[in-house]
Amino acid sequence: MDRLAAYSDGKNGTNGGMREILDILLDRLKEEAVERHIRDVIGRYVAPSDFEEQVDIVREIIARMGYRPSYIDPSRPERYARNYEELIRGLVESVKVQSGTFRRL
């Protein structure tokens, strides 16, 4: 949504009005806060040179994922150890989807 359309919708109350615009802004702020938190925790607690720790993290993430894409091989966590941040984001996204489902019930 471009700024001019958002301003018009907020002023006129069309397409959900100001409430919809505020919801969009707050959703984006929440996403940014989660991303900052993930980066902070990883930076603070995970040593970038400790491969075994990264393998353990990947093993734990795979065990906790409710939905696991077919391209992830749970028997080889070392394969994903250097890209574990993407798995963490996938886990966070999975939790968001599940919480949204529970909220609707």
PDB file of N, CA and C in Angstrom:
ATOM      1  N   MET A   1       0.851  -1.169   0.000  1.00  0.00           N
ATOM      2  CA  MET A   1       0.000   0.000   0.000  1.00  0.00           C
ATOM      3  C   MET A   1       0.896   1.231   0.000  1.00  0.00           C
ATOM      4  N   ASP A   2       0.651   2.117  -0.924  1.00  0.00           N
ATOM      5  CA  ASP A   2       1.476   3.324  -0.966  1.00  0.00           C
ATOM      6  C   ASP A   2       0.929   4.368   0.021  1.00  0.00           C
ATOM      7  N   ARG A   3       1.716   5.354   0.297  1.00  0.00           N
ATOM      8  CA  ARG A   3       1.375   6.360   1.319  1.00  0.00           C
ATOM      9  C   ARG A   3       0.128   7.158   0.974  1.00  0.00           C
ATOM     10  N   LEU A   4      -0.009   7.527  -0.279  1.00  0.00           N
ATOM     11  CA  LEU A   4      -1.159   8.328  -0.686  1.00  0.00           C
ATOM     12  C   LEU A   4      -2.461   7.538  -0.507  1.00  0.00           C
ATOM     13  N   ALA A   5      -2.433   6.281  -0.888  1.00  0.00           N
ATOM     14  CA  ALA A   5      -3.618   5.436  -0.721  1.00  0.00           C
ATOM     15  C   ALA A   5      -3.913   5.213   0.760  1.00  0.00           C
ATOM     16  N   ALA A   6      -2.861   5.030   1.559  1.00  0.00           N
ATOM     17  CA  ALA A   6      -3.055   4.836   3.002  1.00  0.00           C
ATOM     18  C   ALA A   6      -3.655   6.086   3.636  1.00  0.00           C
ATOM     19  N   TYR A   7      -3.155   7.242   3.241  1.00  0.00           N
ATOM     20  CA  TYR A   7      -3.697   8.498   3.763  1.00  0.00           C
ATOM     21  C   TYR A   7      -5.169   8.642   3.384  1.00  0.00           C
ATOM     22  N   SER A   8      -5.480   8.354   2.148  1.00  0.00           N
ATOM     23  CA  SER A   8      -6.864   8.459   1.680  1.00  0.00           C
ATOM     24  C   SER A   8      -7.772   7.475   2.431  1.00  0.00           C
ATOM     25  N   ASP A   9      -7.306   6.244   2.589  1.00  0.00           N
ATOM     26  CA  ASP A   9      -8.107   5.254   3.313  1.00  0.00           C
ATOM     27  C   ASP A   9      -8.314   5.656   4.768  1.00  0.00           C
ATOM     28  N   GLY A  10      -7.258   6.188   5.399  1.00  0.00           N
ATOM     29  CA  GLY A  10      -7.378   6.619   6.790  1.00  0.00           C
ATOM     30  C   GLY A  10      -8.314   7.797   6.955  1.00  0.00           C
ATOM     31  N   LYS A  11      -8.242   8.728   6.024  1.00  0.00           N
ATOM     32  CA  LYS A  11      -9.068   9.924   6.094  1.00  0.00           C
ATOM     33  C   LYS A  11     -10.541   9.631   5.789  1.00  0.00           C
ATOM     34  N   ASN A  12     -10.766   8.781   4.779  1.00  0.00           N
ATOM     35  CA  ASN A  12     -12.132   8.502   4.335  1.00  0.00           C
ATOM     36  C   ASN A  12     -12.763   7.281   4.978  1.00  0.00           C
ATOM     37  N   GLY A  13     -11.964   6.454   5.623  1.00  0.00           N
ATOM     38  CA  GLY A  13     -12.511   5.262   6.256  1.00  0.00           C
ATOM     39  C   GLY A  13     -12.765   4.114   5.293  1.00  0.00           C
ATOM     40  N   THR A  14     -12.208   4.180   4.107  1.00  0.00           N
ATOM     41  CA  THR A  14     -12.390   3.096   3.141  1.00  0.00           C
ATOM     42  C   THR A  14     -11.349   1.998   3.367  1.00  0.00           C
ATOM     43  N   ASN A  15     -11.647   0.806   2.890  1.00  0.00           N
ATOM     44  CA  ASN A  15     -10.735  -0.350   2.998  1.00  0.00           C
ATOM     45  C   ASN A  15     -10.271  -0.608   4.434  1.00  0.00           C
ATOM     46  N   GLY A  16     -11.142  -0.450   5.368  1.00  0.00           N
ATOM     47  CA  GLY A  16     -10.797  -0.688   6.765  1.00  0.00           C
ATOM     48  C   GLY A  16     -10.390   0.565   7.514  1.00  0.00           C
ATOM     49  N   GLY A  17     -10.146   1.636   6.801  1.00  0.00           N
ATOM     50  CA  GLY A  17      -9.848   2.915   7.429  1.00  0.00           C
ATOM     51  C   GLY A  17      -8.575   2.917   8.249  1.00  0.00           C
ATOM     52  N   MET A  18      -8.568   3.803   9.235  1.00  0.00           N
ATOM     53  CA  MET A  18      -7.393   3.991  10.078  1.00  0.00           C
ATOM     54  C   MET A  18      -7.062   2.713  10.859  1.00  0.00           C
ATOM     55  N   ARG A  19      -8.068   1.966  11.236  1.00  0.00           N
ATOM     56  CA  ARG A  19      -7.821   0.723  11.985  1.00  0.00           C
ATOM     57  C   ARG A  19      -6.974  -0.249  11.164  1.00  0.00           C
ATOM     58  N   GLU A  20      -7.278  -0.394   9.902  1.00  0.00           N
ATOM     59  CA  GLU A  20      -6.521  -1.297   9.032  1.00  0.00           C
ATOM     60  C   GLU A  20      -5.086  -0.802   8.855  1.00  0.00           C
ATOM     61  N   ILE A  21      -4.908   0.485   8.699  1.00  0.00           N
ATOM     62  CA  ILE A  21      -3.566   1.045   8.534  1.00  0.00           C
ATOM     63  C   ILE A  21      -2.743   0.831   9.803  1.00  0.00           C
ATOM     64  N   LEU A  22      -3.345   1.063  10.957  1.00  0.00           N
ATOM     65  CA  LEU A  22      -2.641   0.841  12.219  1.00  0.00           C
ATOM     66  C   LEU A  22      -2.305  -0.630  12.416  1.00  0.00           C
ATOM     67  N   ASP A  23      -3.197  -1.528  12.022  1.00  0.00           N
ATOM     68  CA  ASP A  23      -2.910  -2.962  12.106  1.00  0.00           C
ATOM     69  C   ASP A  23      -1.711  -3.337  11.244  1.00  0.00           C
ATOM     70  N   ILE A  24      -1.638  -2.795  10.046  1.00  0.00           N
ATOM     71  CA  ILE A  24      -0.508  -3.071   9.153  1.00  0.00           C
ATOM     72  C   ILE A  24       0.793  -2.565   9.771  1.00  0.00           C
ATOM     73  N   LEU A  25       0.761  -1.344  10.304  1.00  0.00           N
ATOM     74  CA  LEU A  25       1.962  -0.778  10.919  1.00  0.00           C
ATOM     75  C   LEU A  25       2.410  -1.590  12.137  1.00  0.00           C
ATOM     76  N   LEU A  26       1.464  -1.965  12.984  1.00  0.00           N
ATOM     77  CA  LEU A  26       1.812  -2.713  14.188  1.00  0.00           C
ATOM     78  C   LEU A  26       2.317  -4.108  13.858  1.00  0.00           C
ATOM     79  N   ASP A  27       1.745  -4.750  12.849  1.00  0.00           N
ATOM     80  CA  ASP A  27       2.243  -6.064  12.441  1.00  0.00           C
ATOM     81  C   ASP A  27       3.694  -5.966  11.984  1.00  0.00           C
ATOM     82  N   ARG A  28       4.015  -4.938  11.235  1.00  0.00           N
ATOM     83  CA  ARG A  28       5.383  -4.750  10.764  1.00  0.00           C
ATOM     84  C   ARG A  28       6.333  -4.461  11.928  1.00  0.00           C
ATOM     85  N   LEU A  29       5.883  -3.651  12.885  1.00  0.00           N
ATOM     86  CA  LEU A  29       6.712  -3.377  14.062  1.00  0.00           C
ATOM     87  C   LEU A  29       6.957  -4.638  14.882  1.00  0.00           C
ATOM     88  N   LYS A  30       5.936  -5.496  15.001  1.00  0.00           N
ATOM     89  CA  LYS A  30       6.114  -6.761  15.719  1.00  0.00           C
ATOM     90  C   LYS A  30       7.123  -7.654  15.014  1.00  0.00           C
ATOM     91  N   GLU A  31       7.040  -7.733  13.686  1.00  0.00           N
ATOM     92  CA  GLU A  31       7.995  -8.542  12.922  1.00  0.00           C
ATOM     93  C   GLU A  31       9.419  -8.039  13.131  1.00  0.00           C
ATOM     94  N   GLU A  32       9.600  -6.726  13.111  1.00  0.00           N
ATOM     95  CA  GLU A  32      10.928  -6.153  13.319  1.00  0.00           C
ATOM     96  C   GLU A  32      11.435  -6.436  14.728  1.00  0.00           C
ATOM     97  N   ALA A  33      10.556  -6.375  15.724  1.00  0.00           N
ATOM     98  CA  ALA A  33      10.956  -6.651  17.104  1.00  0.00           C
ATOM     99  C   ALA A  33      11.379  -8.109  17.273  1.00  0.00           C
ATOM    100  N   VAL A  34      10.646  -9.021  16.662  1.00  0.00           N
ATOM    101  CA  VAL A  34      11.008 -10.438  16.737  1.00  0.00           C
ATOM    102  C   VAL A  34      12.360 -10.664  16.065  1.00  0.00           C
ATOM    103  N   GLU A  35      12.572 -10.056  14.915  1.00  0.00           N
ATOM    104  CA  GLU A  35      13.845 -10.192  14.200  1.00  0.00           C
ATOM    105  C   GLU A  35      15.006  -9.653  15.035  1.00  0.00           C
ATOM    106  N   ARG A  36      14.817  -8.490  15.653  1.00  0.00           N
ATOM    107  CA  ARG A  36      15.869  -7.921  16.513  1.00  0.00           C
ATOM    108  C   ARG A  36      16.162  -8.840  17.693  1.00  0.00           C
ATOM    109  N   HIS A  37      15.121  -9.411  18.273  1.00  0.00           N
ATOM    110  CA  HIS A  37      15.292 -10.313  19.419  1.00  0.00           C
ATOM    111  C   HIS A  37      16.055 -11.567  19.013  1.00  0.00           C
ATOM    112  N   ILE A  38      15.698 -12.135  17.864  1.00  0.00           N
ATOM    113  CA  ILE A  38      16.395 -13.335  17.384  1.00  0.00           C
ATOM    114  C   ILE A  38      17.880 -13.026  17.186  1.00  0.00           C
ATOM    115  N   ARG A  39      18.168 -11.921  16.521  1.00  0.00           N
ATOM    116  CA  ARG A  39      19.568 -11.553  16.291  1.00  0.00           C
ATOM    117  C   ARG A  39      20.310 -11.286  17.601  1.00  0.00           C
ATOM    118  N   ASP A  40      19.643 -10.662  18.559  1.00  0.00           N
ATOM    119  CA  ASP A  40      20.263 -10.379  19.847  1.00  0.00           C
ATOM    120  C   ASP A  40      20.593 -11.666  20.591  1.00  0.00           C
ATOM    121  N   VAL A  41      19.652 -12.582  20.640  1.00  0.00           N
ATOM    122  CA  VAL A  41      19.877 -13.846  21.355  1.00  0.00           C
ATOM    123  C   VAL A  41      20.976 -14.662  20.682  1.00  0.00           C
ATOM    124  N   ILE A  42      20.933 -14.743  19.366  1.00  0.00           N
ATOM    125  CA  ILE A  42      21.967 -15.489  18.651  1.00  0.00           C
ATOM    126  C   ILE A  42      23.332 -14.847  18.878  1.00  0.00           C
ATOM    127  N   GLY A  43      23.399 -13.540  18.767  1.00  0.00           N
ATOM    128  CA  GLY A  43      24.665 -12.846  18.962  1.00  0.00           C
ATOM    129  C   GLY A  43      25.203 -12.969  20.374  1.00  0.00           C
ATOM    130  N   ARG A  44      24.311 -13.031  21.327  1.00  0.00           N
ATOM    131  CA  ARG A  44      24.723 -13.066  22.728  1.00  0.00           C
ATOM    132  C   ARG A  44      25.101 -14.466  23.202  1.00  0.00           C
ATOM    133  N   TYR A  45      24.382 -15.501  22.728  1.00  0.00           N
ATOM    134  CA  TYR A  45      24.542 -16.829  23.317  1.00  0.00           C
ATOM    135  C   TYR A  45      25.163 -17.891  22.411  1.00  0.00           C
ATOM    136  N   VAL A  46      25.308 -17.620  21.141  1.00  0.00           N
ATOM    137  CA  VAL A  46      25.844 -18.639  20.237  1.00  0.00           C
ATOM    138  C   VAL A  46      27.199 -18.173  19.715  1.00  0.00           C
ATOM    139  N   ALA A  47      28.215 -18.970  19.992  1.00  0.00           N
ATOM    140  CA  ALA A  47      29.556 -18.647  19.499  1.00  0.00           C
ATOM    141  C   ALA A  47      29.629 -18.956  18.006  1.00  0.00           C
ATOM    142  N   PRO A  48      30.018 -17.987  17.178  1.00  0.00           N
ATOM    143  CA  PRO A  48      30.033 -18.218  15.736  1.00  0.00           C
ATOM    144  C   PRO A  48      31.022 -19.283  15.291  1.00  0.00           C
ATOM    145  N   SER A  49      32.010 -19.602  16.115  1.00  0.00           N
ATOM    146  CA  SER A  49      33.009 -20.595  15.727  1.00  0.00           C
ATOM    147  C   SER A  49      32.754 -21.976  16.317  1.00  0.00           C
ATOM    148  N   ASP A  50      31.724 -22.135  17.144  1.00  0.00           N
ATOM    149  CA  ASP A  50      31.446 -23.418  17.798  1.00  0.00           C
ATOM    150  C   ASP A  50      30.467 -24.245  16.952  1.00  0.00           C
ATOM    151  N   PHE A  51      31.034 -25.049  16.063  1.00  0.00           N
ATOM    152  CA  PHE A  51      30.226 -25.837  15.137  1.00  0.00           C
ATOM    153  C   PHE A  51      29.348 -26.848  15.871  1.00  0.00           C
ATOM    154  N   GLU A  52      29.875 -27.486  16.897  1.00  0.00           N
ATOM    155  CA  GLU A  52      29.095 -28.500  17.637  1.00  0.00           C
ATOM    156  C   GLU A  52      27.870 -27.885  18.308  1.00  0.00           C
ATOM    157  N   GLU A  53      28.027 -26.684  18.842  1.00  0.00           N
ATOM    158  CA  GLU A  53      26.897 -25.988  19.457  1.00  0.00           C
ATOM    159  C   GLU A  53      25.838 -25.665  18.405  1.00  0.00           C
ATOM    160  N   GLN A  54      26.282 -25.263  17.240  1.00  0.00           N
ATOM    161  CA  GLN A  54      25.344 -24.968  16.155  1.00  0.00           C
ATOM    162  C   GLN A  54      24.605 -26.232  15.709  1.00  0.00           C
ATOM    163  N   VAL A  55      25.303 -27.355  15.659  1.00  0.00           N
ATOM    164  CA  VAL A  55      24.649 -28.629  15.309  1.00  0.00           C
ATOM    165  C   VAL A  55      23.600 -28.974  16.362  1.00  0.00           C
ATOM    166  N   ASP A  56      23.931 -28.778  17.635  1.00  0.00           N
ATOM    167  CA  ASP A  56      22.964 -29.043  18.707  1.00  0.00           C
ATOM    168  C   ASP A  56      21.741 -28.143  18.591  1.00  0.00           C
ATOM    169  N   ILE A  57      21.964 -26.877  18.234  1.00  0.00           N
ATOM    170  CA  ILE A  57      20.845 -25.946  18.054  1.00  0.00           C
ATOM    171  C   ILE A  57      19.954 -26.415  16.923  1.00  0.00           C
ATOM    172  N   VAL A  58      20.556 -26.810  15.815  1.00  0.00           N
ATOM    173  CA  VAL A  58      19.772 -27.283  14.667  1.00  0.00           C
ATOM    174  C   VAL A  58      18.993 -28.540  15.033  1.00  0.00           C
ATOM    175  N   ARG A  59      19.631 -29.441  15.739  1.00  0.00           N
ATOM    176  CA  ARG A  59      18.956 -30.674  16.176  1.00  0.00           C
ATOM    177  C   ARG A  59      17.720 -30.339  17.026  1.00  0.00           C
ATOM    178  N   GLU A  60      17.873 -29.396  17.935  1.00  0.00           N
ATOM    179  CA  GLU A  60      16.759 -28.983  18.799  1.00  0.00           C
ATOM    180  C   GLU A  60      15.657 -28.294  18.005  1.00  0.00           C
ATOM    181  N   ILE A  61      16.025 -27.444  17.066  1.00  0.00           N
ATOM    182  CA  ILE A  61      15.030 -26.747  16.236  1.00  0.00           C
ATOM    183  C   ILE A  61      14.218 -27.752  15.438  1.00  0.00           C
ATOM    184  N   ILE A  62      14.905 -28.703  14.809  1.00  0.00           N
ATOM    185  CA  ILE A  62      14.202 -29.712  14.008  1.00  0.00           C
ATOM    186  C   ILE A  62      13.261 -30.525  14.879  1.00  0.00           C
ATOM    187  N   ALA A  63      13.679 -30.840  16.096  1.00  0.00           N
ATOM    188  CA  ALA A  63      12.823 -31.609  17.007  1.00  0.00           C
ATOM    189  C   ALA A  63      11.580 -30.820  17.414  1.00  0.00           C
ATOM    190  N   ARG A  64      11.699 -29.497  17.505  1.00  0.00           N
ATOM    191  CA  ARG A  64      10.577 -28.672  17.950  1.00  0.00           C
ATOM    192  C   ARG A  64       9.644 -28.221  16.840  1.00  0.00           C
ATOM    193  N   MET A  65      10.095 -28.307  15.605  1.00  0.00           N
ATOM    194  CA  MET A  65       9.263 -27.834  14.492  1.00  0.00           C
ATOM    195  C   MET A  65       8.027 -28.713  14.349  1.00  0.00           C
ATOM    196  N   GLY A  66       6.855 -28.058  14.353  1.00  0.00           N
ATOM    197  CA  GLY A  66       5.618 -28.797  14.128  1.00  0.00           C
ATOM    198  C   GLY A  66       5.509 -29.220  12.672  1.00  0.00           C
ATOM    199  N   TYR A  67       5.776 -28.284  11.807  1.00  0.00           N
ATOM    200  CA  TYR A  67       5.764 -28.552  10.373  1.00  0.00           C
ATOM    201  C   TYR A  67       7.197 -28.476   9.888  1.00  0.00           C
ATOM    202  N   ARG A  68       7.632 -29.522   9.222  1.00  0.00           N
ATOM    203  CA  ARG A  68       8.992 -29.523   8.705  1.00  0.00           C
ATOM    204  C   ARG A  68       8.927 -29.696   7.187  1.00  0.00           C
ATOM    205  N   PRO A  69       9.508 -28.769   6.448  1.00  0.00           N
ATOM    206  CA  PRO A  69       9.520 -28.915   4.991  1.00  0.00           C
ATOM    207  C   PRO A  69      10.194 -30.219   4.577  1.00  0.00           C
ATOM    208  N   SER A  70       9.786 -30.758   3.463  1.00  0.00           N
ATOM    209  CA  SER A  70      10.297 -32.055   3.013  1.00  0.00           C
ATOM    210  C   SER A  70      11.787 -32.007   2.671  1.00  0.00           C
ATOM    211  N   TYR A  71      12.315 -30.837   2.382  1.00  0.00           N
ATOM    212  CA  TYR A  71      13.725 -30.750   2.014  1.00  0.00           C
ATOM    213  C   TYR A  71      14.658 -30.746   3.223  1.00  0.00           C
ATOM    214  N   ILE A  72      14.139 -30.727   4.440  1.00  0.00           N
ATOM    215  CA  ILE A  72      14.980 -30.791   5.640  1.00  0.00           C
ATOM    216  C   ILE A  72      15.127 -32.244   6.053  1.00  0.00           C
ATOM    217  N   ASP A  73      16.366 -32.698   6.123  1.00  0.00           N
ATOM    218  CA  ASP A  73      16.685 -34.067   6.519  1.00  0.00           C
ATOM    219  C   ASP A  73      17.044 -34.079   8.004  1.00  0.00           C
ATOM    220  N   PRO A  74      16.149 -34.575   8.865  1.00  0.00           N
ATOM    221  CA  PRO A  74      16.409 -34.520  10.312  1.00  0.00           C
ATOM    222  C   PRO A  74      17.578 -35.406  10.765  1.00  0.00           C
ATOM    223  N   SER A  75      17.997 -36.333   9.938  1.00  0.00           N
ATOM    224  CA  SER A  75      19.096 -37.214  10.331  1.00  0.00           C
ATOM    225  C   SER A  75      20.474 -36.571  10.106  1.00  0.00           C
ATOM    226  N   ARG A  76      20.510 -35.412   9.456  1.00  0.00           N
ATOM    227  CA  ARG A  76      21.787 -34.742   9.183  1.00  0.00           C
ATOM    228  C   ARG A  76      21.763 -33.272   9.607  1.00  0.00           C
ATOM    229  N   PRO A  77      21.668 -33.005  10.922  1.00  0.00           N
ATOM    230  CA  PRO A  77      21.606 -31.601  11.373  1.00  0.00           C
ATOM    231  C   PRO A  77      22.865 -30.808  11.066  1.00  0.00           C
ATOM    232  N   GLU A  78      23.996 -31.483  10.936  1.00  0.00           N
ATOM    233  CA  GLU A  78      25.243 -30.761  10.640  1.00  0.00           C
ATOM    234  C   GLU A  78      25.192 -30.083   9.273  1.00  0.00           C
ATOM    235  N   ARG A  79      24.322 -30.565   8.424  1.00  0.00           N
ATOM    236  CA  ARG A  79      24.170 -29.986   7.088  1.00  0.00           C
ATOM    237  C   ARG A  79      23.627 -28.542   7.159  1.00  0.00           C
ATOM    238  N   TYR A  80      22.872 -28.254   8.220  1.00  0.00           N
ATOM    239  CA  TYR A  80      22.214 -26.949   8.352  1.00  0.00           C
ATOM    240  C   TYR A  80      22.842 -26.067   9.430  1.00  0.00           C
ATOM    241  N   ALA A  81      23.928 -26.538  10.033  1.00  0.00           N
ATOM    242  CA  ALA A  81      24.499 -25.851  11.203  1.00  0.00           C
ATOM    243  C   ALA A  81      24.954 -24.423  10.892  1.00  0.00           C
ATOM    244  N   ARG A  82      25.446 -24.164   9.719  1.00  0.00           N
ATOM    245  CA  ARG A  82      25.923 -22.816   9.394  1.00  0.00           C
ATOM    246  C   ARG A  82      24.786 -21.876   8.996  1.00  0.00           C
ATOM    247  N   ASN A  83      23.601 -22.407   8.754  1.00  0.00           N
ATOM    248  CA  ASN A  83      22.448 -21.582   8.367  1.00  0.00           C
ATOM    249  C   ASN A  83      21.295 -21.749   9.353  1.00  0.00           C
ATOM    250  N   TYR A  84      21.624 -21.912  10.610  1.00  0.00           N
ATOM    251  CA  TYR A  84      20.590 -22.174  11.607  1.00  0.00           C
ATOM    252  C   TYR A  84      19.661 -20.978  11.826  1.00  0.00           C
ATOM    253  N   GLU A  85      20.092 -19.771  11.487  1.00  0.00           N
ATOM    254  CA  GLU A  85      19.222 -18.602  11.660  1.00  0.00           C
ATOM    255  C   GLU A  85      17.954 -18.732  10.821  1.00  0.00           C
ATOM    256  N   GLU A  86      18.086 -19.266   9.631  1.00  0.00           N
ATOM    257  CA  GLU A  86      16.908 -19.471   8.778  1.00  0.00           C
ATOM    258  C   GLU A  86      15.955 -20.487   9.401  1.00  0.00           C
ATOM    259  N   LEU A  87      16.504 -21.508  10.026  1.00  0.00           N
ATOM    260  CA  LEU A  87      15.649 -22.489  10.702  1.00  0.00           C
ATOM    261  C   LEU A  87      14.923 -21.863  11.886  1.00  0.00           C
ATOM    262  N   ILE A  88      15.611 -20.992  12.602  1.00  0.00           N
ATOM    263  CA  ILE A  88      14.973 -20.302  13.727  1.00  0.00           C
ATOM    264  C   ILE A  88      13.823 -19.441  13.222  1.00  0.00           C
ATOM    265  N   ARG A  89      14.049 -18.735  12.129  1.00  0.00           N
ATOM    266  CA  ARG A  89      12.971 -17.921  11.550  1.00  0.00           C
ATOM    267  C   ARG A  89      11.802 -18.801  11.111  1.00  0.00           C
ATOM    268  N   GLY A  90      12.109 -19.966  10.556  1.00  0.00           N
ATOM    269  CA  GLY A  90      11.059 -20.907  10.170  1.00  0.00           C
ATOM    270  C   GLY A  90      10.274 -21.402  11.375  1.00  0.00           C
ATOM    271  N   LEU A  91      10.984 -21.655  12.470  1.00  0.00           N
ATOM    272  CA  LEU A  91      10.317 -22.079  13.701  1.00  0.00           C
ATOM    273  C   LEU A  91       9.418 -20.971  14.235  1.00  0.00           C
ATOM    274  N   VAL A  92       9.905 -19.738  14.219  1.00  0.00           N
ATOM    275  CA  VAL A  92       9.099 -18.595  14.678  1.00  0.00           C
ATOM    276  C   VAL A  92       7.863 -18.450  13.808  1.00  0.00           C
ATOM    277  N   GLU A  93       8.031 -18.592  12.509  1.00  0.00           N
ATOM    278  CA  GLU A  93       6.894 -18.488  11.584  1.00  0.00           C
ATOM    279  C   GLU A  93       5.884 -19.601  11.846  1.00  0.00           C
ATOM    280  N   SER A  94       6.371 -20.801  12.121  1.00  0.00           N
ATOM    281  CA  SER A  94       5.495 -21.926  12.435  1.00  0.00           C
ATOM    282  C   SER A  94       4.686 -21.660  13.703  1.00  0.00           C
ATOM    283  N   VAL A  95       5.342 -21.098  14.707  1.00  0.00           N
ATOM    284  CA  VAL A  95       4.649 -20.768  15.964  1.00  0.00           C
ATOM    285  C   VAL A  95       3.595 -19.694  15.717  1.00  0.00           C
ATOM    286  N   LYS A  96       3.925 -18.696  14.877  1.00  0.00           N
ATOM    287  CA  LYS A  96       2.943 -17.645  14.566  1.00  0.00           C
ATOM    288  C   LYS A  96       1.717 -18.218  13.872  1.00  0.00           C
ATOM    289  N   VAL A  97       1.925 -19.125  12.941  1.00  0.00           N
ATOM    290  CA  VAL A  97       0.794 -19.742  12.233  1.00  0.00           C
ATOM    291  C   VAL A  97      -0.061 -20.540  13.205  1.00  0.00           C
ATOM    292  N   GLN A  98       0.579 -21.315  14.069  1.00  0.00           N
ATOM    293  CA  GLN A  98      -0.166 -22.105  15.046  1.00  0.00           C
ATOM    294  C   GLN A  98      -0.932 -21.217  16.013  1.00  0.00           C
ATOM    295  N   SER A  99      -0.318 -20.139  16.487  1.00  0.00           N
ATOM    296  CA  SER A  99      -1.002 -19.263  17.428  1.00  0.00           C
ATOM    297  C   SER A  99      -2.186 -18.564  16.745  1.00  0.00           C
ATOM    298  N   GLY A 100      -2.017 -18.215  15.476  1.00  0.00           N
ATOM    299  CA  GLY A 100      -3.133 -17.615  14.719  1.00  0.00           C
ATOM    300  C   GLY A 100      -4.285 -18.585  14.583  1.00  0.00           C
ATOM    301  N   THR A 101      -3.964 -19.851  14.383  1.00  0.00           N
ATOM    302  CA  THR A 101      -5.017 -20.875  14.292  1.00  0.00           C
ATOM    303  C   THR A 101      -5.753 -21.015  15.617  1.00  0.00           C
ATOM    304  N   PHE A 102      -5.034 -21.045  16.715  1.00  0.00           N
ATOM    305  CA  PHE A 102      -5.662 -21.174  18.030  1.00  0.00           C
ATOM    306  C   PHE A 102      -6.479 -19.940  18.372  1.00  0.00           C
ATOM    307  N   ARG A 103      -6.010 -18.773  17.940  1.00  0.00           N
ATOM    308  CA  ARG A 103      -6.731 -17.540  18.226  1.00  0.00           C
ATOM    309  C   ARG A 103      -8.094 -17.527  17.549  1.00  0.00           C
ATOM    310  N   ARG A 104      -8.165 -18.125  16.360  1.00  0.00           N
ATOM    311  CA  ARG A 104      -9.440 -18.146  15.617  1.00  0.00           C
ATOM    312  C   ARG A 104     -10.453 -19.096  16.222  1.00  0.00           C
ATOM    313  N   LEU A 105      -9.984 -20.097  16.977  1.00  0.00           N
ATOM    314  CA  LEU A 105     -10.913 -21.082  17.543  1.00  0.00           C
ATOM    315  C   LEU A 105     -11.645 -20.584  18.708  1.00  0.00           C
TER     316      LEU A 105
END
